[in-house]
Protein backbone atom coordinates (compact mmCIF):
# COMPACT_ATOMS: atom_id res chain seq x y z
CA MET A 1 66.79 199.57 116.58
CA GLY A 2 69.39 199.35 119.32
CA GLU A 3 72.84 197.90 119.17
CA VAL A 4 72.99 194.32 117.93
CA GLY A 5 73.43 191.99 120.83
CA ALA A 6 72.45 194.58 123.43
CA GLY A 7 71.58 192.82 126.64
CA PHE A 8 73.66 189.78 125.68
CA PRO A 9 76.55 188.60 127.84
CA VAL A 10 79.98 189.76 126.69
CA TRP A 11 80.94 186.30 125.44
CA ALA A 12 77.74 185.99 123.42
CA ARG A 13 78.36 189.31 121.68
CA LYS A 14 81.85 188.15 120.75
CA ILE A 15 80.45 185.02 119.14
CA VAL A 16 78.01 187.16 117.15
CA ILE A 17 80.87 189.38 115.97
CA MET A 18 82.90 186.34 114.97
CA LYS A 19 80.00 184.97 112.91
CA LYS A 20 79.63 188.34 111.21
CA SER A 21 83.25 188.09 110.05
CA ASN A 22 82.10 185.45 107.53
CA VAL A 23 79.81 188.05 106.00
CA TRP A 24 82.78 190.38 105.66
CA LYS A 25 84.77 187.65 103.92
CA LYS A 26 81.99 187.16 101.37
CA THR A 27 81.80 190.91 100.87
CA GLU A 28 85.57 191.01 100.33
CA TRP A 29 85.34 188.30 97.66
CA ALA A 30 82.53 190.20 95.96
CA GLY A 31 84.76 193.29 95.93
CA LEU A 32 87.64 191.32 94.39
CA ILE A 33 85.33 189.99 91.66
CA CYS A 34 84.18 193.54 90.89
CA ILE A 35 87.82 194.70 90.68
CA PHE A 36 88.55 191.81 88.30
CA PHE A 37 85.71 192.77 85.96
CA ILE A 38 86.72 196.44 86.06
CA LEU A 39 90.27 195.39 85.19
CA MET A 40 88.99 193.35 82.25
CA VAL A 41 86.96 196.34 80.99
CA LEU A 42 90.00 198.62 81.25
CA ILE A 43 92.17 196.10 79.40
CA HIS A 44 89.53 195.83 76.69
CA MET A 45 89.37 199.62 76.34
CA LEU A 46 93.15 199.95 76.18
CA TRP A 47 93.35 197.00 73.83
CA ASN A 48 91.14 198.67 71.25
CA SER A 49 92.35 202.22 71.86
CA GLY A 50 94.74 202.11 68.91
CA ALA A 51 92.33 200.61 66.41
CA ASP A 52 91.68 203.93 64.68
CA GLY A 53 95.28 205.06 64.96
CA GLU A 54 98.36 202.93 65.00
CA MET A 55 96.61 199.62 64.33
CA ALA A 56 95.08 201.16 61.21
CA ASP A 57 98.66 201.64 60.00
CA ILE A 58 99.35 197.91 59.81
CA ARG A 59 98.53 195.54 56.96
CA SER A 60 99.22 192.00 55.90
CA VAL A 61 101.51 191.67 52.88
CA SER A 62 99.77 188.61 51.50
CA SER A 63 99.58 189.39 47.76
CA GLY A 64 102.12 190.17 45.09
CA TRP A 65 104.52 187.31 45.92
CA TYR A 66 106.25 185.25 43.26
CA GLN A 67 109.05 182.74 42.67
CA ILE A 68 111.36 182.53 39.71
CA VAL A 69 111.23 178.96 38.38
CA ASP A 70 112.97 178.17 35.11
CA GLU A 71 113.29 181.95 34.52
CA LYS A 72 109.52 182.34 34.85
CA GLU A 73 107.57 184.10 37.57
CA GLU A 74 105.09 181.95 39.50
CA ALA A 75 102.74 184.22 41.48
CA PHE A 76 100.85 183.20 44.62
CA ASP A 77 99.47 184.61 47.84
CA LEU A 78 100.67 183.94 51.37
CA PRO A 79 100.22 182.00 53.55
CA ALA A 80 101.07 179.05 51.36
CA MET A 81 103.05 175.82 51.18
CA VAL A 82 106.11 176.64 49.08
CA LYS A 83 108.53 174.15 47.52
CA ALA A 84 112.28 174.49 47.90
CA ASP A 85 114.67 174.38 44.95
CA GLN A 86 117.41 171.81 44.39
CA ASP A 87 119.70 173.67 46.79
CA GLY A 88 117.07 173.63 49.57
CA LYS A 89 116.45 177.35 49.15
CA ILE A 90 113.17 179.22 48.93
CA MET A 91 113.35 182.73 47.46
CA LEU A 92 110.20 184.83 47.44
CA TYR A 93 109.96 188.24 45.78
CA ASN A 94 107.51 191.11 46.23
CA ASN A 95 107.47 194.48 44.44
CA THR A 96 104.26 195.91 45.95
CA LEU A 97 106.07 198.07 48.50
CA THR A 98 106.16 201.83 47.80
CA PRO A 99 108.43 204.71 48.90
CA GLU A 100 105.78 205.58 51.53
CA ASP A 101 106.69 202.30 53.27
CA LYS A 102 110.26 203.40 54.08
CA ASN A 103 111.23 203.33 57.77
CA LYS A 104 108.31 201.03 58.49
CA VAL A 105 108.73 197.56 59.97
CA LEU A 106 108.28 194.39 57.93
CA SER A 107 107.66 191.55 60.40
CA ILE A 108 108.13 187.95 59.22
CA ASN A 109 107.62 184.60 60.91
CA GLY A 110 109.48 181.30 60.70
CA LEU A 111 112.85 181.91 62.36
CA GLN A 112 113.30 178.15 62.65
CA ASP A 113 113.88 178.14 58.87
CA GLN A 114 116.82 180.62 59.02
CA PRO A 115 115.15 183.48 57.08
CA GLU A 116 116.94 186.34 55.36
CA VAL A 117 115.47 189.61 54.05
CA TRP A 118 117.09 191.32 51.05
CA MET A 119 116.33 194.46 49.11
CA GLY A 120 118.43 194.37 45.97
CA LYS A 121 121.97 193.60 47.06
CA GLN A 122 121.39 194.93 50.60
CA CYS A 123 120.79 192.37 53.38
CA LEU A 124 118.28 193.87 55.79
CA PHE A 125 118.07 190.86 58.13
CA ARG A 126 119.80 187.53 58.73
CA TYR A 127 118.77 185.38 61.68
CA GLU A 128 121.47 184.55 64.19
CA GLU A 129 121.26 182.55 67.39
CA ASN A 130 122.19 185.53 69.58
CA ASP A 131 124.89 183.53 71.39
CA PHE A 132 122.35 181.00 72.62
CA LEU A 133 121.06 177.98 70.74
CA LYS A 134 117.26 177.88 70.62
CA ASN A 135 114.98 175.03 69.69
CA ASP A 136 112.66 175.17 66.67
CA GLN A 137 109.63 175.54 68.90
CA MET A 138 111.10 178.69 70.45
CA LYS A 139 111.95 180.12 67.04
CA GLY A 140 108.46 179.29 65.77
CA LYS A 141 106.78 181.71 68.15
CA MET A 142 109.13 184.58 67.32
CA TRP A 143 108.86 187.24 64.65
CA ALA A 144 111.70 189.08 62.94
CA ASP A 145 111.10 192.84 62.81
CA VAL A 146 112.95 194.34 59.82
CA TRP A 147 113.28 198.11 59.35
CA LEU A 148 112.83 198.97 55.70
CA ALA A 149 115.52 201.06 54.00
CA GLU A 150 115.26 204.60 52.62
CA ASP A 151 115.17 203.31 49.03
CA THR A 152 112.14 201.10 49.64
CA GLY A 153 110.00 200.78 46.53
CA LYS A 154 112.86 200.95 44.04
CA GLU A 155 113.70 197.24 44.18
CA PRO A 156 111.65 194.19 45.17
CA VAL A 157 111.88 192.67 48.62
CA CYS A 158 113.28 189.14 48.70
CA LEU A 159 112.64 186.62 51.47
CA VAL A 160 115.05 183.69 51.63
CA TYR A 161 114.30 180.52 53.60
CA GLU A 162 116.41 177.42 54.05
CA SER A 163 114.96 173.90 53.87
CA ASN A 164 117.75 171.44 54.48
CA ASN A 165 115.72 168.41 53.44
CA ARG A 166 114.32 170.26 50.39
CA ALA A 167 110.85 169.78 51.78
CA PRO A 168 108.14 172.39 51.23
CA LEU A 169 107.68 174.99 53.96
CA TYR A 170 104.53 176.65 55.22
CA ILE A 171 105.24 180.36 54.98
CA GLN A 172 103.01 182.92 56.65
CA ALA A 173 102.27 186.36 55.27
CA PRO A 174 104.47 189.15 56.69
CA VAL A 175 102.88 192.23 58.23
CA LEU A 176 103.87 195.81 57.51
CA GLY A 177 103.35 198.89 59.68
CA SER A 178 104.82 201.27 62.22
CA PHE A 179 106.91 199.80 65.00
CA PRO A 180 104.32 200.54 67.77
CA ALA A 181 101.58 198.95 65.67
CA VAL A 182 103.65 195.86 64.90
CA SER A 183 104.70 195.54 68.55
CA GLN A 184 101.06 195.77 69.63
CA LYS A 185 100.14 193.02 67.19
CA HIS A 186 102.85 190.76 68.60
CA PHE A 187 101.66 191.55 72.11
CA GLN A 188 98.13 190.56 71.16
CA GLU A 189 99.41 187.27 69.79
CA SER A 190 101.17 186.65 73.11
CA VAL A 191 98.24 187.81 75.25
CA PHE A 192 97.50 184.32 76.60
CA SER A 193 101.02 183.98 77.93
CA PHE A 194 100.92 187.49 79.42
CA LEU A 195 97.59 186.78 81.12
CA MET A 196 99.09 183.58 82.55
CA ILE A 197 102.13 185.54 83.73
CA LEU A 198 99.98 188.22 85.37
CA GLY A 199 97.79 185.53 86.92
CA MET A 200 100.80 183.65 88.29
CA TRP A 201 102.52 186.72 89.71
CA GLY A 202 99.23 188.06 91.06
CA THR A 203 98.49 184.76 92.78
CA GLY A 204 102.05 184.69 94.11
CA ILE A 205 101.69 188.18 95.60
CA VAL A 206 98.33 187.32 97.19
CA SER A 207 99.75 184.09 98.58
CA ALA A 208 102.72 185.92 100.12
CA ILE A 209 100.44 188.57 101.64
CA VAL A 210 98.20 185.87 103.12
CA PHE A 211 101.24 184.10 104.58
CA TRP A 212 102.58 187.21 106.34
CA TYR A 213 99.09 188.22 107.47
CA MET A 214 98.48 184.80 109.00
CA LYS A 215 101.93 184.81 110.58
CA ALA A 216 101.20 188.18 112.17
CA HIS A 217 98.12 186.55 113.71
CA HIS A 218 100.21 183.64 115.01
CA ILE A 219 98.98 181.15 112.40
CA VAL A 220 101.94 179.83 110.39
CA GLU A 221 101.02 178.09 107.13
CA LYS A 222 104.27 177.65 105.18
CA ARG A 223 102.46 176.26 102.14
CA PHE A 224 101.31 179.77 101.23
CA LEU A 225 104.97 180.75 100.96
CA ASP A 226 105.72 177.59 98.93
CA ALA A 227 102.90 178.40 96.50
CA SER A 228 104.02 182.03 96.25
CA LEU A 229 107.62 181.10 95.36
CA PHE A 230 106.38 178.52 92.84
CA MET A 231 104.16 181.06 91.07
CA PHE A 232 106.91 183.69 90.92
CA ILE A 233 109.36 181.21 89.36
CA CYS A 234 106.72 179.92 86.92
CA GLY A 235 105.83 183.47 85.91
CA LEU A 236 109.52 184.22 85.36
CA TRP A 237 109.87 181.13 83.14
CA CYS A 238 106.77 182.02 81.11
CA TYR A 239 108.02 185.56 80.54
CA LEU A 240 111.59 184.63 79.60
CA ASP A 241 110.38 181.78 77.40
CA SER A 242 107.96 184.01 75.50
CA GLY A 243 108.72 185.09 71.96
CA PHE A 244 107.92 188.66 73.00
CA TYR A 245 110.88 188.76 75.39
CA GLN A 246 113.13 187.09 72.83
CA MET A 247 112.26 189.76 70.28
CA TYR A 248 112.52 192.83 72.48
CA GLY A 249 114.68 191.78 75.44
CA GLU A 250 118.11 193.39 75.54
CA HIS A 251 119.90 190.26 76.77
CA GLY A 252 118.23 187.33 75.03
CA ALA A 253 120.98 184.83 75.79
CA VAL A 254 121.01 185.69 79.49
CA GLY A 255 117.23 185.50 79.57
CA MET A 256 117.26 182.04 78.02
CA VAL A 257 119.76 180.75 80.60
CA LEU A 258 117.53 182.08 83.37
CA SER A 259 114.54 180.54 81.60
CA PHE A 260 116.14 177.08 81.59
CA TYR A 261 117.11 177.28 85.25
CA ALA A 262 113.67 178.58 86.22
CA PHE A 263 112.17 175.61 84.37
CA ILE A 264 114.52 173.16 86.09
CA LEU A 265 113.97 174.49 89.62
CA MET A 266 110.35 175.68 89.60
CA SER A 267 109.15 172.31 90.94
CA VAL A 268 111.19 172.61 94.15
CA PRO A 269 108.70 174.90 96.01
CA MET A 270 105.85 172.53 95.11
CA LEU A 271 107.81 169.62 96.51
CA TRP A 272 108.14 171.67 99.70
CA PHE A 273 104.36 172.10 99.53
CA VAL A 274 103.92 168.32 99.34
CA GLN A 275 106.32 167.84 102.26
CA ASN A 276 104.21 170.18 104.38
CA THR A 277 101.06 168.25 103.43
CA ILE A 278 101.94 164.56 103.81
CA SER A 279 102.90 162.62 106.94
CA GLU A 280 106.42 162.96 108.28
CA LYS A 281 107.47 159.36 107.62
CA VAL A 282 107.20 159.70 103.81
CA ARG A 283 108.63 163.22 103.47
CA TRP A 284 111.90 161.72 102.31
CA VAL A 285 110.34 160.97 98.90
CA PRO A 286 109.84 164.62 97.78
CA GLN A 287 113.16 165.48 99.48
CA ALA A 288 114.91 162.92 97.25
CA TRP A 289 113.37 164.52 94.16
CA ILE A 290 114.51 167.95 95.35
CA PHE A 291 118.10 166.68 95.51
CA LEU A 292 117.72 165.16 92.03
CA LEU A 293 116.55 168.52 90.63
CA TYR A 294 119.49 170.27 92.29
CA GLY A 295 121.84 167.67 90.83
CA ASN A 296 120.33 168.10 87.36
CA ALA A 297 120.77 171.89 87.52
CA ILE A 298 124.41 171.51 88.64
CA LEU A 299 125.18 168.82 86.03
CA GLN A 300 123.75 170.80 83.11
CA GLY A 301 125.61 173.92 84.19
CA ILE A 302 128.94 172.04 84.39
CA LEU A 303 128.41 170.35 81.00
CA ASN A 304 127.60 173.71 79.40
CA ILE A 305 130.59 175.51 80.95
CA LEU A 306 133.22 172.79 80.42
CA PHE A 307 132.04 171.08 77.23
CA HIS A 308 129.82 173.81 75.70
CA ILE A 309 126.86 171.46 75.39
CA PRO A 310 123.79 173.62 74.66
CA PHE A 311 121.00 173.53 77.22
CA VAL A 312 118.58 172.70 74.40
CA TYR A 313 120.37 169.37 73.86
CA MET A 314 119.96 168.50 77.57
CA LEU A 315 116.35 169.60 77.83
CA PHE A 316 115.10 166.01 77.57
CA LEU A 317 116.77 165.25 80.93
CA THR A 318 114.69 167.94 82.64
CA HIS A 319 111.52 166.80 80.87
CA ILE A 320 112.05 163.19 81.94
CA MET A 321 112.83 164.22 85.51
CA LEU A 322 109.85 166.58 85.86
CA PHE A 323 107.39 164.10 84.39
CA SER A 324 108.75 161.25 86.52
CA GLY A 325 108.55 163.50 89.59
CA VAL A 326 104.90 164.36 88.92
CA ILE A 327 104.02 160.67 88.48
CA SER A 328 105.92 159.84 91.69
CA MET A 329 104.01 162.53 93.63
CA ILE A 330 100.68 161.27 92.25
CA CYS A 331 101.47 157.73 93.45
CA LEU A 332 102.67 159.01 96.84
CA LEU A 333 99.59 161.19 97.35
CA TRP A 334 97.29 158.35 96.30
CA LYS A 335 98.82 156.06 98.93
CA GLU A 336 98.56 158.82 101.54
CA TYR A 337 94.90 159.43 100.66
CA LYS A 338 94.06 155.73 100.87
CA ARG A 339 95.69 155.66 104.30
CA ASN A 340 93.86 158.57 105.98
CA GLU A 341 91.42 160.00 103.34
CA ALA A 342 92.32 163.56 104.27
CA GLU A 343 90.63 166.29 102.22
CA GLU A 344 93.84 168.27 101.71
CA ILE A 345 95.57 165.16 100.33
CA LEU A 346 92.69 164.68 97.88
CA PHE A 347 92.95 168.24 96.59
CA CYS A 348 96.71 167.94 96.27
CA LEU A 349 96.26 164.68 94.35
CA LEU A 350 93.69 166.30 92.04
CA ALA A 351 96.05 169.22 91.39
CA PHE A 352 99.00 166.96 90.53
CA ALA A 353 96.79 164.85 88.26
CA THR A 354 95.81 168.04 86.40
CA LEU A 355 99.46 169.03 86.12
CA GLY A 356 100.38 165.54 84.89
CA VAL A 357 97.77 165.59 82.10
CA SER A 358 98.78 169.07 80.91
CA GLY A 359 102.49 168.19 81.15
CA MET A 360 102.10 164.99 79.13
CA THR A 361 100.07 166.85 76.48
CA ALA A 362 102.74 169.58 76.28
CA LEU A 363 105.54 167.00 75.94
CA ILE A 364 103.72 165.25 73.08
CA LEU A 365 103.20 168.57 71.31
CA TYR A 366 106.86 169.46 71.83
CA TRP A 367 108.64 166.22 70.96
CA VAL A 368 106.26 164.52 68.51
CA TYR A 369 104.63 167.37 66.61
CA SER A 370 107.15 170.21 67.26
CA ILE A 371 104.27 172.65 67.86
CA TYR A 372 105.47 175.99 69.18
CA TRP A 373 102.41 176.68 71.35
CA TYR A 374 103.08 173.66 73.56
CA ASP A 375 103.91 176.07 76.38
CA MET A 376 100.37 177.47 76.41
CA VAL A 377 99.02 174.03 77.32
CA PHE A 378 101.57 173.64 80.10
CA GLN A 379 101.03 177.21 81.38
CA ALA A 380 97.27 176.64 81.57
CA GLY A 381 97.91 173.38 83.44
CA ILE A 382 100.25 175.10 85.91
CA PHE A 383 97.75 177.89 86.56
CA LEU A 384 94.88 175.42 87.04
CA TYR A 385 97.10 173.26 89.26
CA THR A 386 98.02 176.18 91.49
CA SER A 387 94.46 177.51 91.54
CA ILE A 388 93.17 174.18 92.90
CA LEU A 389 95.81 174.10 95.63
CA PHE A 390 95.49 177.79 96.46
CA TRP A 391 91.68 177.72 96.66
CA HIS A 392 91.67 174.70 98.97
CA LEU A 393 94.45 176.21 101.07
CA LEU A 394 92.45 179.42 101.46
CA GLN A 395 89.37 177.44 102.52
CA LYS A 396 91.37 175.38 105.02
CA THR A 397 93.10 178.45 106.42
CA SER A 398 89.77 180.23 106.72
CA ARG A 399 88.40 177.31 108.73
CA ASP A 400 91.57 177.18 110.85
CA SER A 401 91.40 180.93 111.44
CA GLN A 402 87.78 180.72 112.50
CA PHE A 403 88.63 177.85 114.84
CA ARG A 404 91.53 179.90 116.21
CA MET A 405 89.23 182.87 116.76
CA GLU A 406 86.76 180.67 118.59
CA GLN A 407 89.58 179.30 120.72
CA LEU A 408 90.74 182.82 121.55
CA VAL A 409 87.20 183.87 122.43
CA TYR A 410 86.65 180.86 124.67
CA GLU A 411 90.09 181.28 126.23
CA LYS A 412 89.29 184.90 126.97
CA MET A 413 85.90 183.87 128.34
CA SER A 414 87.64 181.41 130.68
CA MET A 415 89.80 184.29 131.98
CA GLU A 416 86.89 186.68 132.48
CA ASP A 417 84.55 187.07 135.40
CA ARG A 418 81.12 186.95 133.76
CA MET A 419 79.42 188.94 136.48
CA THR A 420 81.73 191.97 136.53
CA GLY A 421 83.72 191.80 133.29
CA LEU A 422 87.03 191.92 135.20
CA LYS A 423 89.69 189.26 134.83
CA ASN A 424 88.96 186.29 137.09
CA ARG A 425 91.02 184.28 139.57
CA LYS A 426 92.34 181.98 136.84
CA ALA A 427 93.73 184.99 134.97
CA PHE A 428 95.16 186.31 138.25
CA GLU A 429 97.01 183.08 138.99
CA LYS A 430 98.32 182.96 135.43
CA TYR A 431 99.57 186.54 135.74
CA ILE A 432 101.32 185.81 139.04
CA LYS A 433 102.91 182.69 137.54
CA GLU A 434 104.27 184.69 134.60
CA ILE A 435 105.83 187.14 137.06
CA GLN A 436 107.42 184.23 138.95
CA GLU A 437 108.78 182.70 135.72
CA GLY A 438 110.19 186.04 134.55
CA LYS A 439 107.90 186.32 131.53
CA ILE A 440 106.67 189.61 132.97
CA ARG A 441 109.62 191.70 134.16
CA LEU A 442 108.96 194.19 136.96
CA GLU A 443 111.40 196.49 138.74
CA ASN A 444 108.82 197.16 141.42
CA ALA A 445 105.08 196.74 141.79
CA LEU A 446 102.34 197.60 144.29
CA PHE A 447 99.96 194.80 145.17
CA LEU A 448 96.52 195.62 146.64
CA PHE A 449 93.91 193.31 148.10
CA ILE A 450 90.46 194.92 148.19
CA GLU A 451 87.50 193.38 149.96
CA ILE A 452 83.91 194.50 150.26
CA THR A 453 82.64 194.45 153.85
CA GLY A 454 79.06 194.79 154.91
CA LEU A 455 77.68 192.93 151.91
CA LYS A 456 75.51 190.77 154.17
CA GLN A 457 73.80 193.85 155.56
CA ILE A 458 73.10 195.11 152.02
CA ASN A 459 71.62 191.72 151.08
CA ASP A 460 69.46 191.67 154.25
CA VAL A 461 68.18 195.23 153.85
CA TYR A 462 67.97 195.73 150.07
CA GLY A 463 67.90 192.17 148.72
CA MET A 464 70.29 189.84 146.88
CA LYS A 465 69.87 191.68 143.59
CA THR A 466 71.14 194.89 145.17
CA GLY A 467 74.00 192.95 146.74
CA ASP A 468 75.06 191.64 143.29
CA GLU A 469 74.70 195.15 141.95
CA SER A 470 77.03 196.50 144.62
CA VAL A 471 79.71 193.94 143.61
CA ILE A 472 79.33 194.93 139.94
CA GLN A 473 79.49 198.63 140.81
CA THR A 474 82.59 198.12 142.91
CA ALA A 475 84.30 196.28 140.05
CA ARG A 476 83.28 199.05 137.65
CA CYS A 477 84.69 201.68 140.01
CA ILE A 478 87.98 199.81 140.40
CA GLN A 479 88.36 199.53 136.63
CA LYS A 480 87.36 203.18 136.11
CA ALA A 481 89.82 204.41 138.71
CA ALA A 482 92.54 202.27 137.19
CA ASP A 483 91.81 203.62 133.69
CA SER A 484 91.81 207.22 134.96
CA ASP A 485 95.39 206.99 136.22
CA GLN A 486 97.46 207.30 133.02
CA ARG A 487 100.77 207.31 134.91
CA HIS A 488 100.72 203.60 135.66
CA LYS A 489 99.79 200.32 134.07
CA ILE A 490 97.22 198.76 136.41
CA GLU A 491 95.83 195.21 136.22
CA SER A 492 92.55 194.46 138.03
CA PHE A 493 91.10 191.06 138.98
CA ARG A 494 88.09 189.66 140.84
CA ILE A 495 89.53 186.74 142.81
CA GLY A 496 86.54 185.90 145.02
CA GLY A 497 82.93 186.73 145.80
CA THR A 498 83.81 190.06 147.46
CA GLU A 499 87.56 190.11 146.88
CA PHE A 500 89.57 191.99 144.29
CA ALA A 501 93.28 192.22 143.45
CA VAL A 502 95.00 195.22 141.87
CA ILE A 503 98.62 195.25 140.64
CA VAL A 504 100.29 198.60 139.86
CA MET A 505 103.48 198.37 137.76
CA ASN A 506 106.39 200.59 138.88
CA PRO A 507 104.17 202.67 141.16
CA GLN A 508 104.67 206.40 141.66
CA ILE A 509 101.54 206.75 143.79
CA GLN A 510 100.97 206.04 147.45
CA PRO A 511 98.57 203.22 148.43
CA GLN A 512 96.52 205.71 150.47
CA GLU A 513 95.94 207.79 147.33
CA LEU A 514 94.66 204.71 145.51
CA GLU A 515 92.38 203.85 148.42
CA CYS A 516 90.85 207.34 148.34
CA LEU A 517 90.48 207.12 144.56
CA PHE A 518 88.62 203.80 144.73
CA GLU A 519 86.38 204.90 147.64
CA ASN A 520 85.45 208.18 145.92
CA GLU A 521 84.49 206.35 142.75
CA VAL A 522 82.29 203.94 144.76
CA LYS A 523 80.54 206.85 146.47
CA LYS A 524 79.86 208.52 143.11
CA GLU A 525 78.50 205.27 141.70
CA THR A 526 76.16 204.43 144.58
CA GLU A 527 75.03 208.07 145.08
CA ASN A 528 74.67 207.37 148.83
CA ARG A 529 71.74 204.97 148.14
CA TYR A 530 73.54 202.43 150.29
CA TYR A 531 76.94 202.23 151.89
CA ILE A 532 79.73 200.03 150.44
CA SER A 533 82.72 199.61 152.71
CA LEU A 534 86.10 198.68 151.20
CA GLN A 535 89.03 197.28 153.13
CA PHE A 536 92.58 197.35 151.74
CA GLY A 537 95.82 195.51 152.22
CA TYR A 538 98.92 196.21 150.23
CA GLY A 539 102.54 195.21 149.74
CA TYR A 540 105.51 196.23 147.60
CA LEU A 541 107.57 193.86 145.48
CA LYS A 542 110.70 195.81 146.48
CA ASN A 543 111.46 196.68 150.12
CA GLU A 544 112.59 200.11 151.33
CA ASN A 545 116.19 198.89 151.56
CA GLY A 546 116.08 197.89 147.86
CA THR A 547 115.86 194.13 148.35
CA ARG A 548 113.29 192.25 146.34
CA ASN A 549 110.59 190.08 147.90
CA THR A 550 109.53 186.78 146.47
CA VAL A 551 106.13 186.79 144.83
CA SER A 552 104.77 184.67 147.69
CA ASP A 553 106.04 187.12 150.34
CA TRP A 554 104.69 189.99 148.29
CA LYS A 555 101.18 188.54 148.28
CA ARG A 556 101.44 187.46 151.90
CA GLN A 557 102.39 190.98 152.97
CA ALA A 558 99.24 192.42 151.36
CA ASP A 559 97.04 189.65 152.77
CA HIS A 560 98.35 190.14 156.30
CA MET A 561 97.67 193.89 156.19
CA LEU A 562 94.11 193.19 154.95
CA GLN A 563 93.48 190.75 157.77
CA ARG A 564 94.85 193.21 160.37
CA THR A 565 92.58 195.94 158.96
CA LYS A 566 89.53 193.68 159.13
CA GLY A 567 90.48 192.55 162.65
CA ALA A 568 90.75 196.15 163.84
CA ILE A 569 87.28 196.90 162.48
CA TYR A 570 85.78 193.88 164.20
CA ASP A 571 87.46 194.88 167.46
CA ASP A 572 85.88 198.35 167.19
CA VAL A 573 82.51 196.83 166.58
């Protein structure tokens, strides 16, 4: 089979190529899906790689626990609901640890209940706020890793919990093992959050790449940048808010401050997104909410610095503001959709509705039930929200890009002479205009008018087809000669039936040399089958005395020389 599109006009082949680009897009998506599945397989392999090693060195300390009530031991297994004594204390003992367990890590849950770990008279762990007050939900998703002492096994381990209202507490079973094994277990328990974080940052990176790629191709879609910044801030909040960071981060207090501010300000890029989606007359609504978020961030910072009010105590202000903002955007987008029924408004509305449902659910879990995994619901909602917007934005940009490509193809077609493939008169006039307006800066330039003479004789003797062929061959020779001269930038145009224009930038070649070059190429092309006569007229943009001609005088000079040359030939005839 020959080349696809062989025998088609140039413009038709370009359309075929443009249509094929859709196939490449589908292939690219298939490749990304394959990469995703490979990544999942690798994660699964790495996940289970320590099952026979380090993970085998971890066990749940669920049996052997007892309380001393009325000087009697009451044994039970964990997890269990345990009653507090009259002082609101819960003291649990376990003597199943052996000397082989020394230097291992005993990991316990329930930091919201102020736990302590004792071995005899030695305090191995006492929870402190780490210079930053945390809420009970944050403490609930954290573990306390306690390194066992050298004399482990000689005295029982004692866990002490505090119940201020003397109510029973649900106490989970601690786990015991090497530090890597315990850390891996905690990582597995936080895997949902880490997947959300990776998904957010990955989407943010892709969105930023798409933005810069489109900008490089002169298609500016700021919403990709808005989505990218939003996902980076959300990912930062999810990471800093995770129990994993709070356990192993070196600067927990600093991380929590950054977490609060990321939570306060992460909605700002999405409000920019809305501004770039809705009509200009209602853009003041999201702008007002942006100022309110800025004001909230400044107010909470001042109250914390001057009056030492913990950020946890002011969290309800941010929750109220974020939820009210989401509801406000839903109402605004609904009105905008009813007004023009635009598809992008509908997708934006759907995304905000998803975010509103997940946000309300997370707030109920946080404030009403004090459930520590409230953030997982909100993280899933954020990721789904962004996925809806990002997917639609990609589809819209793909359509816009295809439309842009079609425009470029048709624009190029309008500037191209279909018969010869050279630039046409429209392109020539545009080029001259750009020189006049200073968009194309030239120190000097050589302008040539070239005209085919004797075409009528060729048509009479050999036929019209041969006459058209001679025009095409002449154009091909002009372009070939221009391409062969690497010293100069040469632009070639067909400006009439038998007329051509050639512009040589900053020429270092004599016009007579160019004439010989063009004529020799024509002779090679025709192989003396018939005679093509070329007449030339030329002019320089800069005169011999260094003065510069106007563009009109420049052209006129070349045209006058061409007419004199033609007149001399007619006189000879």
